[in-house]
């Protein structure tokens, strides 16, 4: 059977279904429809047809699209028309969940299957009420019992309604914890010298270097300590001694050669 022949049947099945249809569901329904034919529709044909349908409704001409959500294929309105249809449906029930219920739902989603005791150990408070509300809204379900723990407590997991609401097909499609935490990391502010002056840093450093006293880099042989305990450079000490000697010589000369006025 040609793919073009089964496309309209797949569209009407997805449109009329009250729940998401998987590709295998569609294969079975199509073959039941054309059961009298010897040539049966294959999974590859159905998947190729669905791919064509998805591309068809991606056009801006259509306000809805075919998407895989909640474990199967559905007709869903596009995000651009959310405000328009929200007037008909009102606020979604999930928005009326308390913070405690949202915390509990997040823990179950990432840790499932999980017992009530394990949920409470993470939250640090009693979670009976939150779990009951989530069960009433069919966002979670009881998936069995933990046979390894004393008393064999009930274990909870997210439901298909949960996946359908959030537009995912399995818990593996949830954002990774590392990705969520990475968005909350605050990077430190890098402070640069340029942020505090209008003058280029290189020029400022050059000017400072010009006015700085000479520094001996690595060679300490010229360093010495004078009689007063001061650390000096030998070259400077020699210059000072020379200056002192010159002053002494000048004084001595003045004493040996008194002025003409005194001689007179």
C-alpha atoms as a PDB file:
ATOM      1  CA  UNK A   1       0.000   0.000   0.000  1.00  0.00           C
ATOM      2  CA  UNK A   2       1.284   3.460  -0.868  1.00  0.00           C
ATOM      3  CA  UNK A   3       2.170   5.801   1.979  1.00  0.00           C
ATOM      4  CA  UNK A   4       0.009   8.524   0.453  1.00  0.00           C
ATOM      5  CA  UNK A   5      -3.013   6.254   0.911  1.00  0.00           C
ATOM      6  CA  UNK A   6      -2.526   5.709   4.641  1.00  0.00           C
ATOM      7  CA  UNK A   7      -1.628   9.307   5.593  1.00  0.00           C
ATOM      8  CA  UNK A   8      -5.277  10.501   5.823  1.00  0.00           C
ATOM      9  CA  UNK A   9      -6.149   7.487   7.993  1.00  0.00           C
ATOM     10  CA  UNK A  10      -3.255   8.179  10.352  1.00  0.00           C
ATOM     11  CA  UNK A  11      -4.265  11.825  10.647  1.00  0.00           C
ATOM     12  CA  UNK A  12      -7.842  10.998  11.531  1.00  0.00           C
ATOM     13  CA  UNK A  13      -6.779   8.367  14.064  1.00  0.00           C
ATOM     14  CA  UNK A  14      -4.495  10.810  15.879  1.00  0.00           C
ATOM     15  CA  UNK A  15      -7.121  13.537  15.735  1.00  0.00           C
ATOM     16  CA  UNK A  16      -9.969  11.405  17.068  1.00  0.00           C
ATOM     17  CA  UNK A  17      -8.047   9.548  19.763  1.00  0.00           C
ATOM     18  CA  UNK A  18      -8.586  10.604  23.381  1.00  0.00           C
ATOM     19  CA  UNK A  19      -5.110   9.436  24.326  1.00  0.00           C
ATOM     20  CA  UNK A  20      -1.708   9.611  22.630  1.00  0.00           C
ATOM     21  CA  UNK A  21      -1.251   6.890  20.007  1.00  0.00           C
ATOM     22  CA  UNK A  22       2.070   5.140  19.567  1.00  0.00           C
ATOM     23  CA  UNK A  23       3.369   4.135  16.161  1.00  0.00           C
ATOM     24  CA  UNK A  24       2.615   0.491  16.972  1.00  0.00           C
ATOM     25  CA  UNK A  25      -0.979   1.401  17.910  1.00  0.00           C
ATOM     26  CA  UNK A  26      -1.398   3.111  14.553  1.00  0.00           C
ATOM     27  CA  UNK A  27       0.040   0.109  12.678  1.00  0.00           C
ATOM     28  CA  UNK A  28      -2.468  -2.202  14.333  1.00  0.00           C
ATOM     29  CA  UNK A  29      -5.422   0.130  13.747  1.00  0.00           C
ATOM     30  CA  UNK A  30      -4.522   0.696  10.091  1.00  0.00           C
ATOM     31  CA  UNK A  31      -4.176  -3.043   9.457  1.00  0.00           C
ATOM     32  CA  UNK A  32      -7.532  -3.651  11.136  1.00  0.00           C
ATOM     33  CA  UNK A  33      -9.060  -1.059   8.837  1.00  0.00           C
ATOM     34  CA  UNK A  34      -7.649  -2.730   5.707  1.00  0.00           C
ATOM     35  CA  UNK A  35      -7.763  -6.262   7.047  1.00  0.00           C
ATOM     36  CA  UNK A  36      -9.106  -7.660   3.795  1.00  0.00           C
ATOM     37  CA  UNK A  37      -5.927  -6.719   1.932  1.00  0.00           C
ATOM     38  CA  UNK A  38      -3.098  -9.198   1.642  1.00  0.00           C
ATOM     39  CA  UNK A  39      -0.433  -6.464   1.871  1.00  0.00           C
ATOM     40  CA  UNK A  40      -0.197  -5.253   5.460  1.00  0.00           C
ATOM     41  CA  UNK A  41       1.126  -1.892   6.568  1.00  0.00           C
ATOM     42  CA  UNK A  42       4.546  -2.003   8.231  1.00  0.00           C
ATOM     43  CA  UNK A  43       5.978   0.066  11.063  1.00  0.00           C
ATOM     44  CA  UNK A  44       8.476   1.697   8.717  1.00  0.00           C
ATOM     45  CA  UNK A  45       5.654   2.859   6.444  1.00  0.00           C
ATOM     46  CA  UNK A  46       3.721   4.330   9.356  1.00  0.00           C
ATOM     47  CA  UNK A  47       6.759   6.138  10.728  1.00  0.00           C
ATOM     48  CA  UNK A  48       7.553   7.564   7.290  1.00  0.00           C
ATOM     49  CA  UNK A  49       3.954   8.729   6.956  1.00  0.00           C
ATOM     50  CA  UNK A  50       4.010  10.352  10.414  1.00  0.00           C
ATOM     51  CA  UNK A  51       7.219  12.171   9.504  1.00  0.00           C
ATOM     52  CA  UNK A  52       5.481  13.596   6.440  1.00  0.00           C
ATOM     53  CA  UNK A  53       2.472  14.612   8.537  1.00  0.00           C
ATOM     54  CA  UNK A  54       4.711  16.417  11.051  1.00  0.00           C
ATOM     55  CA  UNK A  55       6.419  18.344   8.272  1.00  0.00           C
ATOM     56  CA  UNK A  56       3.061  19.233   6.780  1.00  0.00           C
ATOM     57  CA  UNK A  57       1.714  20.838   9.952  1.00  0.00           C
ATOM     58  CA  UNK A  58       4.931  22.713  10.714  1.00  0.00           C
ATOM     59  CA  UNK A  59       3.781  25.239   8.129  1.00  0.00           C
ATOM     60  CA  UNK A  60       2.766  28.646   9.515  1.00  0.00           C
ATOM     61  CA  UNK A  61      -0.584  28.144   7.834  1.00  0.00           C
ATOM     62  CA  UNK A  62      -1.656  25.684  10.572  1.00  0.00           C
ATOM     63  CA  UNK A  63      -2.199  26.771  14.215  1.00  0.00           C
ATOM     64  CA  UNK A  64      -1.668  23.198  15.428  1.00  0.00           C
ATOM     65  CA  UNK A  65       0.908  20.464  14.908  1.00  0.00           C
ATOM     66  CA  UNK A  66       1.480  16.744  15.375  1.00  0.00           C
ATOM     67  CA  UNK A  67       3.908  16.007  18.187  1.00  0.00           C
ATOM     68  CA  UNK A  68       5.042  12.993  20.171  1.00  0.00           C
ATOM     69  CA  UNK A  69       4.004  13.718  23.725  1.00  0.00           C
ATOM     70  CA  UNK A  70       2.870  11.608  26.664  1.00  0.00           C
ATOM     71  CA  UNK A  71       4.233   8.456  25.052  1.00  0.00           C
ATOM     72  CA  UNK A  72       2.423   8.818  21.722  1.00  0.00           C
ATOM     73  CA  UNK A  73       1.365  11.091  18.866  1.00  0.00           C
ATOM     74  CA  UNK A  74      -1.128  13.918  19.365  1.00  0.00           C
ATOM     75  CA  UNK A  75      -2.531  16.984  17.660  1.00  0.00           C
ATOM     76  CA  UNK A  76      -1.450  19.943  19.813  1.00  0.00           C
ATOM     77  CA  UNK A  77      -1.926  23.671  19.383  1.00  0.00           C
ATOM     78  CA  UNK A  78       1.225  25.681  18.795  1.00  0.00           C
ATOM     79  CA  UNK A  79       2.728  27.832  21.542  1.00  0.00           C
ATOM     80  CA  UNK A  80       1.872  31.059  19.715  1.00  0.00           C
ATOM     81  CA  UNK A  81      -1.829  30.454  20.390  1.00  0.00           C
ATOM     82  CA  UNK A  82      -1.575  29.621  24.090  1.00  0.00           C
ATOM     83  CA  UNK A  83      -3.147  32.895  25.294  1.00  0.00           C
ATOM     84  CA  UNK A  84      -6.038  32.496  22.874  1.00  0.00           C
ATOM     85  CA  UNK A  85      -7.091  29.007  23.951  1.00  0.00           C
ATOM     86  CA  UNK A  86      -6.323  29.728  27.630  1.00  0.00           C
ATOM     87  CA  UNK A  87      -9.521  31.822  27.659  1.00  0.00           C
ATOM     88  CA  UNK A  88     -11.495  28.646  27.071  1.00  0.00           C
ATOM     89  CA  UNK A  89      -9.662  26.298  29.415  1.00  0.00           C
ATOM     90  CA  UNK A  90      -8.750  28.746  32.154  1.00  0.00           C
ATOM     91  CA  UNK A  91      -5.682  28.191  34.303  1.00  0.00           C
ATOM     92  CA  UNK A  92      -4.235  24.730  34.198  1.00  0.00           C
ATOM     93  CA  UNK A  93      -4.738  22.683  37.349  1.00  0.00           C
ATOM     94  CA  UNK A  94      -0.985  22.336  37.805  1.00  0.00           C
ATOM     95  CA  UNK A  95      -0.669  26.058  38.517  1.00  0.00           C
ATOM     96  CA  UNK A  96      -2.850  25.621  41.606  1.00  0.00           C
ATOM     97  CA  UNK A  97      -0.428  23.172  43.196  1.00  0.00           C
ATOM     98  CA  UNK A  98       1.201  24.359  46.409  1.00  0.00           C
ATOM     99  CA  UNK A  99       4.946  24.711  46.744  1.00  0.00           C
ATOM    100  CA  UNK A 100       4.980  21.587  48.909  1.00  0.00           C
ATOM    101  CA  UNK A 101       3.159  19.608  46.202  1.00  0.00           C
ATOM    102  CA  UNK A 102       5.544  20.867  43.522  1.00  0.00           C
ATOM    103  CA  UNK A 103       8.547  19.884  45.632  1.00  0.00           C
ATOM    104  CA  UNK A 104       7.092  16.427  46.156  1.00  0.00           C
ATOM    105  CA  UNK A 105       6.311  16.060  42.448  1.00  0.00           C
ATOM    106  CA  UNK A 106       9.874  17.042  41.489  1.00  0.00           C
ATOM    107  CA  UNK A 107      11.356  14.512  43.916  1.00  0.00           C
ATOM    108  CA  UNK A 108       9.149  11.739  42.569  1.00  0.00           C
ATOM    109  CA  UNK A 109       9.932  12.662  38.966  1.00  0.00           C
ATOM    110  CA  UNK A 110      13.707  12.475  39.474  1.00  0.00           C
ATOM    111  CA  UNK A 111      13.880   9.660  42.047  1.00  0.00           C
ATOM    112  CA  UNK A 112      11.098   7.323  40.915  1.00  0.00           C
ATOM    113  CA  UNK A 113      10.177   4.745  41.947  1.00  0.00           C
ATOM    114  CA  UNK A 114      10.320   6.131  45.470  1.00  0.00           C
ATOM    115  CA  UNK A 115       8.580   5.481  48.784  1.00  0.00           C
ATOM    116  CA  UNK A 116       6.852   8.070  50.978  1.00  0.00           C
ATOM    117  CA  UNK A 117       9.520   7.629  53.642  1.00  0.00           C
ATOM    118  CA  UNK A 118      12.266   8.406  51.122  1.00  0.00           C
ATOM    119  CA  UNK A 119      10.376  11.497  49.959  1.00  0.00           C
ATOM    120  CA  UNK A 120      10.033  12.742  53.524  1.00  0.00           C
ATOM    121  CA  UNK A 121      13.696  12.100  54.274  1.00  0.00           C
ATOM    122  CA  UNK A 122      14.602  14.410  51.368  1.00  0.00           C
ATOM    123  CA  UNK A 123      12.054  17.121  52.182  1.00  0.00           C
ATOM    124  CA  UNK A 124      12.433  16.833  55.958  1.00  0.00           C
ATOM    125  CA  UNK A 125       8.672  17.142  56.575  1.00  0.00           C
ATOM    126  CA  UNK A 126       5.557  14.997  56.374  1.00  0.00           C
ATOM    127  CA  UNK A 127       4.314  14.588  52.781  1.00  0.00           C
ATOM    128  CA  UNK A 128       1.010  12.742  53.212  1.00  0.00           C
ATOM    129  CA  UNK A 129      -1.123  15.669  52.054  1.00  0.00           C
ATOM    130  CA  UNK A 130       1.051  16.502  49.044  1.00  0.00           C
ATOM    131  CA  UNK A 131       1.111  12.889  47.847  1.00  0.00           C
ATOM    132  CA  UNK A 132      -2.657  12.647  48.211  1.00  0.00           C
ATOM    133  CA  UNK A 133      -3.202  15.782  46.128  1.00  0.00           C
ATOM    134  CA  UNK A 134      -0.885  14.540  43.403  1.00  0.00           C
ATOM    135  CA  UNK A 135      -2.737  11.230  43.303  1.00  0.00           C
ATOM    136  CA  UNK A 136      -6.073  13.048  43.016  1.00  0.00           C
ATOM    137  CA  UNK A 137      -4.795  15.076  40.083  1.00  0.00           C
ATOM    138  CA  UNK A 138      -3.431  11.881  38.492  1.00  0.00           C
ATOM    139  CA  UNK A 139       0.046  13.328  38.167  1.00  0.00           C
ATOM    140  CA  UNK A 140       1.520  10.384  40.059  1.00  0.00           C
ATOM    141  CA  UNK A 141       0.455   6.800  40.617  1.00  0.00           C
ATOM    142  CA  UNK A 142       1.242   3.862  42.871  1.00  0.00           C
ATOM    143  CA  UNK A 143       3.544   1.631  40.860  1.00  0.00           C
ATOM    144  CA  UNK A 144       3.869  -1.197  43.400  1.00  0.00           C
ATOM    145  CA  UNK A 145       5.635  -1.986  46.659  1.00  0.00           C
ATOM    146  CA  UNK A 146       9.266  -2.077  47.707  1.00  0.00           C
ATOM    147  CA  UNK A 147       9.776  -5.729  48.623  1.00  0.00           C
ATOM    148  CA  UNK A 148      13.259  -5.045  50.042  1.00  0.00           C
ATOM    149  CA  UNK A 149      12.183  -2.604  52.752  1.00  0.00           C
ATOM    150  CA  UNK A 150      10.499  -3.459  56.070  1.00  0.00           C
ATOM    151  CA  UNK A 151       6.729  -3.380  55.776  1.00  0.00           C
ATOM    152  CA  UNK A 152       6.933  -3.378  51.972  1.00  0.00           C
ATOM    153  CA  UNK A 153       5.893   0.292  51.567  1.00  0.00           C
ATOM    154  CA  UNK A 154       4.153   1.646  48.484  1.00  0.00           C
ATOM    155  CA  UNK A 155       6.305   3.200  45.786  1.00  0.00           C
ATOM    156  CA  UNK A 156       5.255   6.141  43.637  1.00  0.00           C
ATOM    157  CA  UNK A 157       6.029   7.179  40.076  1.00  0.00           C
ATOM    158  CA  UNK A 158       4.853   9.819  37.614  1.00  0.00           C
ATOM    159  CA  UNK A 159       1.879   9.042  35.401  1.00  0.00           C
ATOM    160  CA  UNK A 160       1.225   9.436  31.692  1.00  0.00           C
ATOM    161  CA  UNK A 161      -0.795  12.544  32.520  1.00  0.00           C
ATOM    162  CA  UNK A 162       2.358  14.044  34.018  1.00  0.00           C
ATOM    163  CA  UNK A 163       4.337  13.318  30.861  1.00  0.00           C
ATOM    164  CA  UNK A 164       1.518  14.533  28.654  1.00  0.00           C
ATOM    165  CA  UNK A 165       1.257  17.825  30.508  1.00  0.00           C
ATOM    166  CA  UNK A 166       4.967  18.535  30.313  1.00  0.00           C
ATOM    167  CA  UNK A 167       5.271  17.346  26.733  1.00  0.00           C
ATOM    168  CA  UNK A 168       7.719  14.491  27.380  1.00  0.00           C
ATOM    169  CA  UNK A 169       7.592  10.805  26.530  1.00  0.00           C
ATOM    170  CA  UNK A 170       9.505   9.345  29.476  1.00  0.00           C
ATOM    171  CA  UNK A 171      11.277  10.483  32.677  1.00  0.00           C
ATOM    172  CA  UNK A 172      14.551  10.327  30.731  1.00  0.00           C
ATOM    173  CA  UNK A 173      13.406  13.421  28.812  1.00  0.00           C
ATOM    174  CA  UNK A 174      13.445  15.552  31.974  1.00  0.00           C
ATOM    175  CA  UNK A 175      16.234  18.170  32.214  1.00  0.00           C
ATOM    176  CA  UNK A 176      19.360  16.813  33.873  1.00  0.00           C
ATOM    177  CA  UNK A 177      20.038  17.983  37.426  1.00  0.00           C
ATOM    178  CA  UNK A 178      23.463  19.275  36.397  1.00  0.00           C
ATOM    179  CA  UNK A 179      21.869  21.371  33.649  1.00  0.00           C
ATOM    180  CA  UNK A 180      19.377  22.896  36.084  1.00  0.00           C
ATOM    181  CA  UNK A 181      22.051  23.720  38.676  1.00  0.00           C
ATOM    182  CA  UNK A 182      24.405  25.093  36.025  1.00  0.00           C
ATOM    183  CA  UNK A 183      21.909  27.864  35.260  1.00  0.00           C
ATOM    184  CA  UNK A 184      21.975  28.919  38.919  1.00  0.00           C
ATOM    185  CA  UNK A 185      25.766  29.216  39.207  1.00  0.00           C
ATOM    186  CA  UNK A 186      26.814  32.833  39.698  1.00  0.00           C
ATOM    187  CA  UNK A 187      30.195  33.637  38.225  1.00  0.00           C
ATOM    188  CA  UNK A 188      32.481  36.057  40.038  1.00  0.00           C
ATOM    189  CA  UNK A 189      33.037  39.550  38.649  1.00  0.00           C
ATOM    190  CA  UNK A 190      36.449  40.021  37.093  1.00  0.00           C
ATOM    191  CA  UNK A 191      37.919  43.345  38.229  1.00  0.00           C
ATOM    192  CA  UNK A 192      40.501  44.883  35.906  1.00  0.00           C
ATOM    193  CA  UNK A 193      42.678  47.944  36.504  1.00  0.00           C
ATOM    194  CA  UNK A 194      41.179  49.525  33.392  1.00  0.00           C
ATOM    195  CA  UNK A 195      37.823  49.740  35.200  1.00  0.00           C
ATOM    196  CA  UNK A 196      39.211  52.328  37.634  1.00  0.00           C
ATOM    197  CA  UNK A 197      41.120  54.703  35.387  1.00  0.00           C
ATOM    198  CA  UNK A 198      40.799  56.360  32.022  1.00  0.00           C
ATOM    199  CA  UNK A 199      44.558  56.102  31.444  1.00  0.00           C
ATOM    200  CA  UNK A 200      45.867  52.941  29.780  1.00  0.00           C
ATOM    201  CA  UNK A 201      47.404  50.656  32.360  1.00  0.00           C
ATOM    202  CA  UNK A 202      50.559  50.163  30.297  1.00  0.00           C
ATOM    203  CA  UNK A 203      51.224  53.932  30.298  1.00  0.00           C
ATOM    204  CA  UNK A 204      50.587  54.199  34.028  1.00  0.00           C
ATOM    205  CA  UNK A 205      52.992  51.383  34.760  1.00  0.00           C
ATOM    206  CA  UNK A 206      55.653  52.983  32.539  1.00  0.00           C
ATOM    207  CA  UNK A 207      55.388  56.299  34.385  1.00  0.00           C
ATOM    208  CA  UNK A 208      55.604  54.583  37.762  1.00  0.00           C
ATOM    209  CA  UNK A 209      58.661  52.658  36.632  1.00  0.00           C
ATOM    210  CA  UNK A 210      60.420  55.858  35.554  1.00  0.00           C
ATOM    211  CA  UNK A 211      59.981  57.512  38.970  1.00  0.00           C
ATOM    212  CA  UNK A 212      60.796  54.431  40.990  1.00  0.00           C
ATOM    213  CA  UNK A 213      64.160  54.025  42.644  1.00  0.00           C
ATOM    214  CA  UNK A 214      66.498  51.495  41.029  1.00  0.00           C
ATOM    215  CA  UNK A 215      65.976  47.974  42.218  1.00  0.00           C
ATOM    216  CA  UNK A 216      68.648  45.282  42.234  1.00  0.00           C
ATOM    217  CA  UNK A 217      67.155  42.170  40.660  1.00  0.00           C
ATOM    218  CA  UNK A 218      68.768  38.976  41.848  1.00  0.00           C
ATOM    219  CA  UNK A 219      72.248  40.411  42.638  1.00  0.00           C
ATOM    220  CA  UNK A 220      72.606  41.042  46.380  1.00  0.00           C
ATOM    221  CA  UNK A 221      76.398  41.488  46.390  1.00  0.00           C
ATOM    222  CA  UNK A 222      76.012  45.298  46.382  1.00  0.00           C
ATOM    223  CA  UNK A 223      73.791  45.347  49.462  1.00  0.00           C
ATOM    224  CA  UNK A 224      75.368  46.245  52.804  1.00  0.00           C
ATOM    225  CA  UNK A 225      74.408  47.519  56.226  1.00  0.00           C
ATOM    226  CA  UNK A 226      75.896  50.757  57.562  1.00  0.00           C
ATOM    227  CA  UNK A 227      76.808  51.601  61.141  1.00  0.00           C
ATOM    228  CA  UNK A 228      73.278  52.779  61.868  1.00  0.00           C
ATOM    229  CA  UNK A 229      71.825  49.426  60.794  1.00  0.00           C
ATOM    230  CA  UNK A 230      70.333  50.759  57.545  1.00  0.00           C
ATOM    231  CA  UNK A 231      70.298  48.634  54.415  1.00  0.00           C
ATOM    232  CA  UNK A 232      71.987  50.525  51.600  1.00  0.00           C
ATOM    233  CA  UNK A 233      73.528  49.931  48.188  1.00  0.00           C
ATOM    234  CA  UNK A 234      77.298  50.096  48.128  1.00  0.00           C
ATOM    235  CA  UNK A 235      77.303  52.389  45.137  1.00  0.00           C
ATOM    236  CA  UNK A 236      75.136  54.868  47.011  1.00  0.00           C
ATOM    237  CA  UNK A 237      77.335  54.555  50.095  1.00  0.00           C
ATOM    238  CA  UNK A 238      80.432  55.327  47.989  1.00  0.00           C
ATOM    239  CA  UNK A 239      78.735  58.377  46.516  1.00  0.00           C
ATOM    240  CA  UNK A 240      77.737  59.571  49.983  1.00  0.00           C
ATOM    241  CA  UNK A 241      81.294  59.011  51.260  1.00  0.00           C
ATOM    242  CA  UNK A 242      82.682  60.903  48.287  1.00  0.00           C
ATOM    243  CA  UNK A 243      80.321  63.783  48.969  1.00  0.00           C
ATOM    244  CA  UNK A 244      81.309  63.750  52.627  1.00  0.00           C
ATOM    245  CA  UNK A 245      84.996  63.688  51.679  1.00  0.00           C
ATOM    246  CA  UNK A 246      84.523  66.605  49.344  1.00  0.00           C
ATOM    247  CA  UNK A 247      82.811  68.557  52.085  1.00  0.00           C
ATOM    248  CA  UNK A 248      85.584  67.750  54.536  1.00  0.00           C
ATOM    249  CA  UNK A 249      88.231  68.793  52.045  1.00  0.00           C
ATOM    250  CA  UNK A 250      86.433  72.023  51.373  1.00  0.00           C
ATOM    251  CA  UNK A 251      86.255  72.742  55.090  1.00  0.00           C
ATOM    252  CA  UNK A 252      89.919  71.952  55.559  1.00  0.00           C
ATOM    253  CA  UNK A 253      90.869  74.245  52.685  1.00  0.00           C
ATOM    254  CA  UNK A 254      88.832  77.037  54.166  1.00  0.00           C
ATOM    255  CA  UNK A 255      90.661  76.649  57.461  1.00  0.00           C
ATOM    256  CA  UNK A 256      94.119  76.590  55.861  1.00  0.00           C
ATOM    257  CA  UNK A 257      93.347  79.501  53.588  1.00  0.00           C
ATOM    258  CA  UNK A 258      91.555  82.152  55.575  1.00  0.00           C
ATOM    259  CA  UNK A 259      89.897  84.951  53.687  1.00  0.00           C
ATOM    260  CA  UNK A 260      91.729  88.025  52.559  1.00  0.00           C
ATOM    261  CA  UNK A 261      89.809  90.221  54.970  1.00  0.00           C
ATOM    262  CA  UNK A 262      91.172  88.250  57.955  1.00  0.00           C
ATOM    263  CA  UNK A 263      94.727  88.468  56.592  1.00  0.00           C
ATOM    264  CA  UNK A 264      94.471  92.174  56.299  1.00  0.00           C
END
